[in-house]
């Protein structure tokens, strides 16, 4: 009888330990998932910032070319008018 009680008690302790282990594993898995999510979010934001910088540079170049082209046209028109 005492032997059966010991076995039952051991089984209960084992089950409790298993439950605790599962909860800890789930906590670790959730922590890894959250960390990965944060890392991906950080990378996404960095890529967006890089894209914005690149597009600003493209816009600046376009504006400079447009300005230069416009000045050249004005200069050519002035030369024609002065002749």
N, C-alpha and C. Protein backbone atom coordinates (compact mmCIF):
# COMPACT_ATOMS: atom_id res chain seq x y z
N UNK A 1 0.82 -1.20 0.00
CA UNK A 1 0.00 0.00 0.00
C UNK A 1 0.87 1.26 0.00
N UNK A 2 1.88 1.29 0.84
CA UNK A 2 2.77 2.45 0.92
C UNK A 2 3.54 2.60 -0.38
N UNK A 3 3.89 1.47 -0.99
CA UNK A 3 4.61 1.50 -2.25
C UNK A 3 3.76 2.14 -3.35
N UNK A 4 2.48 1.81 -3.38
CA UNK A 4 1.54 2.38 -4.35
C UNK A 4 1.40 3.88 -4.14
N UNK A 5 1.33 4.31 -2.88
CA UNK A 5 1.22 5.73 -2.57
C UNK A 5 2.48 6.48 -3.03
N UNK A 6 3.63 5.87 -2.83
CA UNK A 6 4.88 6.48 -3.28
C UNK A 6 4.91 6.62 -4.80
N UNK A 7 4.44 5.60 -5.48
CA UNK A 7 4.40 5.65 -6.94
C UNK A 7 3.46 6.75 -7.43
N UNK A 8 2.29 6.82 -6.79
CA UNK A 8 1.32 7.85 -7.15
C UNK A 8 1.89 9.25 -6.90
N UNK A 9 2.57 9.39 -5.77
CA UNK A 9 3.16 10.67 -5.41
C UNK A 9 4.27 11.03 -6.42
N UNK A 10 5.07 10.04 -6.80
CA UNK A 10 6.13 10.28 -7.79
C UNK A 10 5.54 10.67 -9.14
N UNK A 11 4.45 10.01 -9.51
CA UNK A 11 3.80 10.34 -10.78
C UNK A 11 3.26 11.77 -10.76
N UNK A 12 2.69 12.16 -9.64
CA UNK A 12 2.17 13.53 -9.51
C UNK A 12 3.31 14.55 -9.60
N UNK A 13 4.41 14.24 -8.92
CA UNK A 13 5.55 15.15 -8.96
C UNK A 13 6.12 15.24 -10.38
N UNK A 14 6.20 14.09 -11.05
CA UNK A 14 6.69 14.08 -12.42
C UNK A 14 5.77 14.89 -13.35
N UNK A 15 4.47 14.73 -13.14
CA UNK A 15 3.51 15.47 -13.95
C UNK A 15 3.63 16.98 -13.69
N UNK A 16 3.79 17.35 -12.43
CA UNK A 16 3.97 18.76 -12.10
C UNK A 16 5.25 19.32 -12.73
N UNK A 17 6.30 18.52 -12.68
CA UNK A 17 7.58 18.94 -13.27
C UNK A 17 7.44 19.09 -14.79
N UNK A 18 6.73 18.12 -15.40
CA UNK A 18 6.49 18.20 -16.84
C UNK A 18 5.70 19.46 -17.20
N UNK A 19 4.68 19.77 -16.42
CA UNK A 19 3.87 20.97 -16.65
C UNK A 19 4.72 22.23 -16.53
N UNK A 20 5.57 22.27 -15.50
CA UNK A 20 6.45 23.42 -15.32
C UNK A 20 7.42 23.56 -16.49
N UNK A 21 7.97 22.42 -16.92
CA UNK A 21 8.89 22.44 -18.06
C UNK A 21 8.21 22.94 -19.33
N UNK A 22 6.98 22.49 -19.55
CA UNK A 22 6.23 22.93 -20.73
C UNK A 22 5.97 24.44 -20.67
N UNK A 23 5.61 24.93 -19.50
CA UNK A 23 5.36 26.36 -19.35
C UNK A 23 6.64 27.16 -19.60
N UNK A 24 7.74 26.68 -19.07
CA UNK A 24 9.01 27.36 -19.29
C UNK A 24 9.39 27.35 -20.76
N UNK A 25 9.20 26.20 -21.41
CA UNK A 25 9.51 26.09 -22.84
C UNK A 25 8.65 27.04 -23.66
N UNK A 26 7.38 27.13 -23.30
CA UNK A 26 6.49 28.05 -24.01
C UNK A 26 6.93 29.50 -23.80
N UNK A 27 7.38 29.80 -22.58
CA UNK A 27 7.88 31.14 -22.29
C UNK A 27 9.12 31.46 -23.10
N UNK A 28 10.03 30.50 -23.20
CA UNK A 28 11.25 30.70 -23.98
C UNK A 28 10.90 30.86 -25.45
N UNK A 29 10.01 30.02 -25.95
CA UNK A 29 9.61 30.10 -27.36
C UNK A 29 8.96 31.45 -27.66
N UNK A 30 8.12 31.92 -26.77
CA UNK A 30 7.46 33.22 -26.97
C UNK A 30 8.48 34.35 -26.94
N UNK A 31 9.45 34.23 -26.06
CA UNK A 31 10.51 35.24 -25.97
C UNK A 31 11.33 35.29 -27.26
N UNK A 32 11.65 34.13 -27.80
CA UNK A 32 12.39 34.06 -29.06
C UNK A 32 11.56 34.68 -30.18
N UNK A 33 10.30 34.34 -30.21
CA UNK A 33 9.40 34.89 -31.24
C UNK A 33 9.33 36.41 -31.14
N UNK A 34 9.20 36.93 -29.92
CA UNK A 34 9.12 38.38 -29.73
C UNK A 34 10.42 39.07 -30.15
N UNK A 35 11.54 38.45 -29.82
CA UNK A 35 12.84 39.02 -30.19
C UNK A 35 13.00 39.04 -31.70
N UNK A 36 12.63 37.95 -32.34
CA UNK A 36 12.71 37.89 -33.81
C UNK A 36 11.80 38.93 -34.43
N UNK A 37 10.61 39.07 -33.89
CA UNK A 37 9.67 40.07 -34.40
C UNK A 37 10.24 41.48 -34.28
N UNK A 38 10.86 41.76 -33.16
CA UNK A 38 11.47 43.08 -32.97
C UNK A 38 12.62 43.29 -33.94
N UNK A 39 13.42 42.26 -34.15
CA UNK A 39 14.55 42.37 -35.08
C UNK A 39 14.05 42.63 -36.50
N UNK A 40 13.02 41.91 -36.92
CA UNK A 40 12.48 42.13 -38.25
C UNK A 40 11.88 43.52 -38.38
N UNK A 41 11.21 43.98 -37.35
CA UNK A 41 10.62 45.33 -37.37
C UNK A 41 11.71 46.39 -37.48
N UNK A 42 12.81 46.20 -36.75
CA UNK A 42 13.94 47.12 -36.81
C UNK A 42 14.53 47.16 -38.22
N UNK A 43 14.71 45.98 -38.81
CA UNK A 43 15.26 45.91 -40.17
C UNK A 43 14.32 46.57 -41.17
N UNK A 44 13.03 46.33 -41.01
CA UNK A 44 12.04 46.93 -41.91
C UNK A 44 12.11 48.45 -41.83
N UNK A 45 12.19 48.99 -40.62
CA UNK A 45 12.28 50.43 -40.44
C UNK A 45 13.57 50.99 -41.05
N UNK A 46 14.66 50.24 -40.89
CA UNK A 46 15.93 50.68 -41.46
C UNK A 46 15.86 50.70 -42.98
N UNK A 47 15.23 49.70 -43.56
CA UNK A 47 15.08 49.66 -45.02
C UNK A 47 14.21 50.82 -45.52
N UNK A 48 13.16 51.13 -44.79
CA UNK A 48 12.31 52.26 -45.17
C UNK A 48 13.08 53.56 -45.09
N UNK A 49 13.88 53.72 -44.05
CA UNK A 49 14.69 54.94 -43.90
C UNK A 49 15.69 55.05 -45.05
N UNK A 50 16.32 53.92 -45.40
CA UNK A 50 17.27 53.91 -46.51
C UNK A 50 16.57 54.27 -47.81
N UNK A 51 15.39 53.73 -48.01
CA UNK A 51 14.62 54.04 -49.22
C UNK A 51 14.29 55.53 -49.27
N UNK A 52 13.88 56.10 -48.15
CA UNK A 52 13.56 57.52 -48.12
C UNK A 52 14.77 58.39 -48.45
N UNK A 53 15.92 58.01 -47.90
CA UNK A 53 17.16 58.75 -48.18
C UNK A 53 17.51 58.65 -49.66
N UNK A 54 17.41 57.44 -50.21
CA UNK A 54 17.74 57.24 -51.62
C UNK A 54 16.80 58.04 -52.52
N UNK A 55 15.51 58.01 -52.20
CA UNK A 55 14.55 58.74 -53.02
C UNK A 55 14.76 60.25 -52.90
N UNK A 56 15.15 60.72 -51.74
CA UNK A 56 15.46 62.15 -51.59
C UNK A 56 16.66 62.52 -52.45
N UNK A 57 17.64 61.64 -52.50
CA UNK A 57 18.81 61.90 -53.35
C UNK A 57 18.41 61.91 -54.82
N UNK A 58 17.55 61.00 -55.22
CA UNK A 58 17.08 60.97 -56.60
C UNK A 58 16.30 62.25 -56.92
N UNK A 59 15.42 62.66 -56.01
CA UNK A 59 14.66 63.89 -56.22
C UNK A 59 15.58 65.10 -56.31
N UNK A 60 16.59 65.14 -55.46
CA UNK A 60 17.55 66.24 -55.50
C UNK A 60 18.30 66.29 -56.81
N UNK A 61 18.70 65.12 -57.29
CA UNK A 61 19.40 65.06 -58.59
C UNK A 61 18.48 65.50 -59.71
N UNK A 62 17.23 65.03 -59.68
CA UNK A 62 16.26 65.42 -60.70
C UNK A 62 16.06 66.93 -60.70
N UNK A 63 15.92 67.51 -59.52
CA UNK A 63 15.71 68.95 -59.41
C UNK A 63 16.93 69.72 -59.92
N UNK A 64 18.11 69.22 -59.61
CA UNK A 64 19.34 69.89 -60.07
C UNK A 64 19.44 69.83 -61.59
N UNK A 65 19.12 68.67 -62.17
CA UNK A 65 19.17 68.52 -63.62
C UNK A 65 18.12 69.42 -64.27
N UNK A 66 16.92 69.44 -63.69
CA UNK A 66 15.86 70.29 -64.23
C UNK A 66 16.27 71.75 -64.18
N UNK A 67 16.86 72.16 -63.08
CA UNK A 67 17.31 73.55 -62.93
C UNK A 67 18.39 73.88 -63.95
N UNK A 68 19.36 72.96 -64.08
CA UNK A 68 20.44 73.18 -65.04
C UNK A 68 19.89 73.24 -66.46
N UNK A 69 19.00 72.34 -66.78
CA UNK A 69 18.42 72.30 -68.13
C UNK A 69 17.63 73.57 -68.39
N UNK A 70 16.88 73.99 -67.39
CA UNK A 70 16.11 75.23 -67.52
C UNK A 70 17.01 76.43 -67.71
N UNK A 71 18.12 76.49 -66.98
CA UNK A 71 19.05 77.61 -67.12
C UNK A 71 19.68 77.60 -68.50
N UNK A 72 20.03 76.41 -68.99
CA UNK A 72 20.61 76.32 -70.34
C UNK A 72 19.62 76.78 -71.39
N UNK A 73 18.35 76.42 -71.25
CA UNK A 73 17.33 76.85 -72.21
C UNK A 73 17.19 78.36 -72.17
N UNK A 74 17.14 78.91 -70.95
CA UNK A 74 17.03 80.37 -70.82
C UNK A 74 18.23 81.05 -71.45
N UNK A 75 19.40 80.51 -71.23
CA UNK A 75 20.62 81.08 -71.79
C UNK A 75 20.58 81.03 -73.32
N UNK A 76 20.13 79.89 -73.86
CA UNK A 76 20.03 79.76 -75.31
C UNK A 76 19.00 80.74 -75.87
N UNK A 77 17.87 80.85 -75.19
CA UNK A 77 16.82 81.78 -75.64
C UNK A 77 17.34 83.22 -75.59
N UNK A 78 18.06 83.55 -74.54
CA UNK A 78 18.61 84.91 -74.44
C UNK A 78 19.59 85.19 -75.57
N UNK A 79 20.42 84.20 -75.87
CA UNK A 79 21.36 84.36 -76.97
C UNK A 79 20.65 84.57 -78.31
N UNK A 80 19.57 83.85 -78.54
CA UNK A 80 18.81 83.99 -79.78
C UNK A 80 18.17 85.39 -79.86
N UNK A 81 17.65 85.82 -78.72
CA UNK A 81 16.98 87.12 -78.70
C UNK A 81 17.97 88.26 -78.89
N UNK A 82 19.19 88.08 -78.47
CA UNK A 82 20.18 89.14 -78.57
C UNK A 82 20.81 89.22 -79.95
N UNK A 83 20.60 88.21 -80.76
CA UNK A 83 21.24 88.21 -82.09
C UNK A 83 20.51 89.04 -83.06
